[in-house]
Amino acid sequence: MTLDVLQDRIGYRFKDESLLVLAVTHSSWANEHSAGNAHNERLEFLGDAVLEIAVSAQLFALLLIFSLGNRTV
């Protein structure tokens, strides 16, 4: 699949296509093809952190309706 096809399918055009290449490059492929640190693990870590913040904020807001003793599980 080409980058153009991928961008068409996701409905988004990257201004910097190197970010898309980085996002879809797995670390094992990068290691096998001497690409060094050009893989998606840092982006994956960042995405996980953003998701954690979003879920934590939603849970915190949801649990505010309960008394302090009922907030623990």
N, C-alpha and C. Protein backbone atom coordinates (compact mmCIF):
# COMPACT_ATOMS: atom_id res chain seq x y z
N MET A 1 0.85 -1.17 0.00
CA MET A 1 0.00 0.00 0.00
C MET A 1 0.90 1.24 0.00
N THR A 2 0.56 2.18 -0.82
CA THR A 2 1.35 3.41 -0.88
C THR A 2 0.86 4.41 0.17
N LEU A 3 1.68 5.41 0.42
CA LEU A 3 1.29 6.45 1.38
C LEU A 3 0.05 7.19 0.90
N ASP A 4 -0.07 7.41 -0.40
CA ASP A 4 -1.25 8.10 -0.93
C ASP A 4 -2.53 7.29 -0.68
N VAL A 5 -2.46 6.00 -0.92
CA VAL A 5 -3.62 5.13 -0.68
C VAL A 5 -3.99 5.13 0.80
N LEU A 6 -2.99 5.01 1.65
CA LEU A 6 -3.24 5.02 3.10
C LEU A 6 -3.89 6.33 3.53
N GLN A 7 -3.38 7.44 3.05
CA GLN A 7 -3.95 8.74 3.42
C GLN A 7 -5.37 8.88 2.89
N ASP A 8 -5.64 8.36 1.70
CA ASP A 8 -7.01 8.38 1.17
C ASP A 8 -7.94 7.56 2.05
N ARG A 9 -7.48 6.40 2.48
CA ARG A 9 -8.32 5.51 3.30
C ARG A 9 -8.64 6.10 4.68
N ILE A 10 -7.66 6.77 5.28
CA ILE A 10 -7.91 7.34 6.61
C ILE A 10 -8.53 8.73 6.52
N GLY A 11 -8.58 9.28 5.33
CA GLY A 11 -9.22 10.58 5.13
C GLY A 11 -8.44 11.75 5.71
N TYR A 12 -7.13 11.62 5.71
CA TYR A 12 -6.29 12.69 6.25
C TYR A 12 -5.01 12.77 5.43
N ARG A 13 -4.61 13.99 5.09
CA ARG A 13 -3.37 14.22 4.35
C ARG A 13 -2.33 14.82 5.30
N PHE A 14 -1.21 14.15 5.41
CA PHE A 14 -0.12 14.62 6.26
C PHE A 14 0.66 15.72 5.56
N LYS A 15 0.92 16.80 6.27
CA LYS A 15 1.78 17.85 5.73
C LYS A 15 3.21 17.34 5.64
N ASP A 16 3.59 16.55 6.62
CA ASP A 16 4.93 15.96 6.67
C ASP A 16 4.78 14.44 6.59
N GLU A 17 4.91 13.88 5.40
CA GLU A 17 4.70 12.44 5.22
C GLU A 17 5.72 11.59 5.97
N SER A 18 6.83 12.18 6.38
CA SER A 18 7.81 11.40 7.14
C SER A 18 7.24 10.97 8.49
N LEU A 19 6.29 11.75 9.02
CA LEU A 19 5.62 11.35 10.26
C LEU A 19 4.74 10.12 10.05
N LEU A 20 4.11 10.04 8.90
CA LEU A 20 3.30 8.87 8.57
C LEU A 20 4.19 7.64 8.42
N VAL A 21 5.30 7.80 7.73
CA VAL A 21 6.24 6.68 7.57
C VAL A 21 6.72 6.22 8.94
N LEU A 22 7.05 7.15 9.80
CA LEU A 22 7.49 6.82 11.16
C LEU A 22 6.39 6.08 11.92
N ALA A 23 5.16 6.55 11.78
CA ALA A 23 4.03 5.95 12.52
C ALA A 23 3.75 4.51 12.11
N VAL A 24 4.02 4.17 10.86
CA VAL A 24 3.70 2.81 10.39
C VAL A 24 4.91 1.89 10.34
N THR A 25 6.05 2.36 10.83
CA THR A 25 7.27 1.54 10.81
C THR A 25 7.46 0.86 12.15
N HIS A 26 7.38 -0.46 12.15
CA HIS A 26 7.56 -1.24 13.37
C HIS A 26 9.04 -1.35 13.71
N SER A 27 9.34 -1.42 14.99
CA SER A 27 10.74 -1.44 15.44
C SER A 27 11.50 -2.67 14.91
N SER A 28 10.82 -3.81 14.79
CA SER A 28 11.52 -5.00 14.28
C SER A 28 11.91 -4.82 12.82
N TRP A 29 11.05 -4.16 12.03
CA TRP A 29 11.40 -3.88 10.63
C TRP A 29 12.57 -2.91 10.57
N ALA A 30 12.51 -1.87 11.39
CA ALA A 30 13.58 -0.87 11.40
C ALA A 30 14.91 -1.52 11.77
N ASN A 31 14.88 -2.45 12.73
CA ASN A 31 16.10 -3.14 13.14
C ASN A 31 16.64 -4.02 12.01
N GLU A 32 15.76 -4.74 11.33
CA GLU A 32 16.18 -5.64 10.26
C GLU A 32 16.68 -4.89 9.03
N HIS A 33 16.25 -3.64 8.87
CA HIS A 33 16.62 -2.87 7.68
C HIS A 33 17.55 -1.70 8.01
N SER A 34 18.23 -1.80 9.13
CA SER A 34 19.21 -0.79 9.56
C SER A 34 18.65 0.64 9.52
N ALA A 35 17.41 0.79 10.00
CA ALA A 35 16.79 2.11 10.02
C ALA A 35 17.03 2.82 11.35
N GLY A 36 17.79 2.20 12.24
CA GLY A 36 18.11 2.83 13.51
C GLY A 36 16.88 3.07 14.37
N ASN A 37 16.71 4.31 14.82
CA ASN A 37 15.59 4.66 15.68
C ASN A 37 14.38 5.16 14.90
N ALA A 38 14.33 4.92 13.61
CA ALA A 38 13.21 5.38 12.79
C ALA A 38 12.07 4.37 12.85
N HIS A 39 11.41 4.32 14.00
CA HIS A 39 10.26 3.43 14.17
C HIS A 39 9.24 4.09 15.08
N ASN A 40 8.11 3.43 15.27
CA ASN A 40 6.95 4.06 15.90
C ASN A 40 6.87 3.94 17.43
N GLU A 41 7.86 3.41 18.09
CA GLU A 41 7.72 3.19 19.54
C GLU A 41 7.56 4.48 20.33
N ARG A 42 8.26 5.54 19.97
CA ARG A 42 8.09 6.81 20.69
C ARG A 42 6.69 7.37 20.47
N LEU A 43 6.19 7.27 19.24
CA LEU A 43 4.84 7.74 18.96
C LEU A 43 3.81 6.89 19.70
N GLU A 44 4.06 5.59 19.79
CA GLU A 44 3.16 4.69 20.52
C GLU A 44 3.13 5.07 22.00
N PHE A 45 4.29 5.34 22.57
CA PHE A 45 4.38 5.76 23.97
C PHE A 45 3.62 7.06 24.18
N LEU A 46 3.80 8.01 23.27
CA LEU A 46 3.09 9.29 23.37
C LEU A 46 1.58 9.09 23.28
N GLY A 47 1.15 8.27 22.34
CA GLY A 47 -0.28 7.99 22.19
C GLY A 47 -0.86 7.34 23.43
N ASP A 48 -0.11 6.40 24.02
CA ASP A 48 -0.57 5.76 25.26
C ASP A 48 -0.71 6.77 26.38
N ALA A 49 0.24 7.70 26.47
CA ALA A 49 0.20 8.72 27.52
C ALA A 49 -0.99 9.65 27.34
N VAL A 50 -1.26 10.06 26.10
CA VAL A 50 -2.41 10.93 25.82
C VAL A 50 -3.71 10.21 26.15
N LEU A 51 -3.80 8.94 25.77
CA LEU A 51 -4.99 8.15 26.07
C LEU A 51 -5.18 8.00 27.58
N GLU A 52 -4.09 7.78 28.31
CA GLU A 52 -4.17 7.67 29.77
C GLU A 52 -4.70 8.96 30.40
N ILE A 53 -4.23 10.09 29.92
CA ILE A 53 -4.70 11.38 30.44
C ILE A 53 -6.19 11.55 30.17
N ALA A 54 -6.62 11.24 28.96
CA ALA A 54 -8.03 11.41 28.59
C ALA A 54 -8.93 10.51 29.42
N VAL A 55 -8.56 9.25 29.57
CA VAL A 55 -9.37 8.31 30.35
C VAL A 55 -9.37 8.70 31.82
N SER A 56 -8.22 9.08 32.35
CA SER A 56 -8.14 9.49 33.76
C SER A 56 -9.02 10.71 34.02
N ALA A 57 -9.01 11.68 33.13
CA ALA A 57 -9.84 12.88 33.31
C ALA A 57 -11.32 12.51 33.30
N GLN A 58 -11.71 11.63 32.40
CA GLN A 58 -13.11 11.21 32.33
C GLN A 58 -13.52 10.45 33.59
N LEU A 59 -12.67 9.54 34.05
CA LEU A 59 -12.98 8.79 35.27
C LEU A 59 -13.05 9.71 36.48
N PHE A 60 -12.14 10.65 36.58
CA PHE A 60 -12.15 11.58 37.69
C PHE A 60 -13.45 12.38 37.70
N ALA A 61 -13.85 12.88 36.53
CA ALA A 61 -15.09 13.65 36.44
C ALA A 61 -16.30 12.78 36.78
N LEU A 62 -16.30 11.54 36.34
CA LEU A 62 -17.41 10.62 36.60
C LEU A 62 -17.50 10.28 38.09
N LEU A 63 -16.36 10.08 38.72
CA LEU A 63 -16.35 9.65 40.11
C LEU A 63 -16.62 10.78 41.09
N LEU A 64 -16.63 12.02 40.64
CA LEU A 64 -16.94 13.14 41.52
C LEU A 64 -18.37 13.09 42.05
N ILE A 65 -19.24 12.36 41.35
CA ILE A 65 -20.64 12.28 41.81
C ILE A 65 -20.79 11.34 43.00
N PHE A 66 -19.77 10.53 43.26
CA PHE A 66 -19.82 9.61 44.39
C PHE A 66 -19.16 10.22 45.62
N SER A 67 -19.56 9.76 46.79
CA SER A 67 -18.90 10.21 48.01
C SER A 67 -17.49 9.61 48.04
N LEU A 68 -16.63 10.20 48.86
CA LEU A 68 -15.23 9.81 48.89
C LEU A 68 -15.05 8.31 49.13
N GLY A 69 -15.80 7.73 50.04
CA GLY A 69 -15.67 6.31 50.36
C GLY A 69 -16.09 5.41 49.21
N ASN A 70 -16.99 5.86 48.38
CA ASN A 70 -17.46 5.05 47.24
C ASN A 70 -16.60 5.21 46.00
N ARG A 71 -15.60 6.07 46.03
CA ARG A 71 -14.75 6.30 44.86
C ARG A 71 -13.68 5.21 44.73
N THR A 72 -13.38 4.50 45.79
CA THR A 72 -12.36 3.47 45.72
C THR A 72 -12.97 2.16 45.26
N VAL A 73 -12.19 1.40 44.57
CA VAL A 73 -12.69 0.10 44.08
C VAL A 73 -11.80 -1.01 44.55
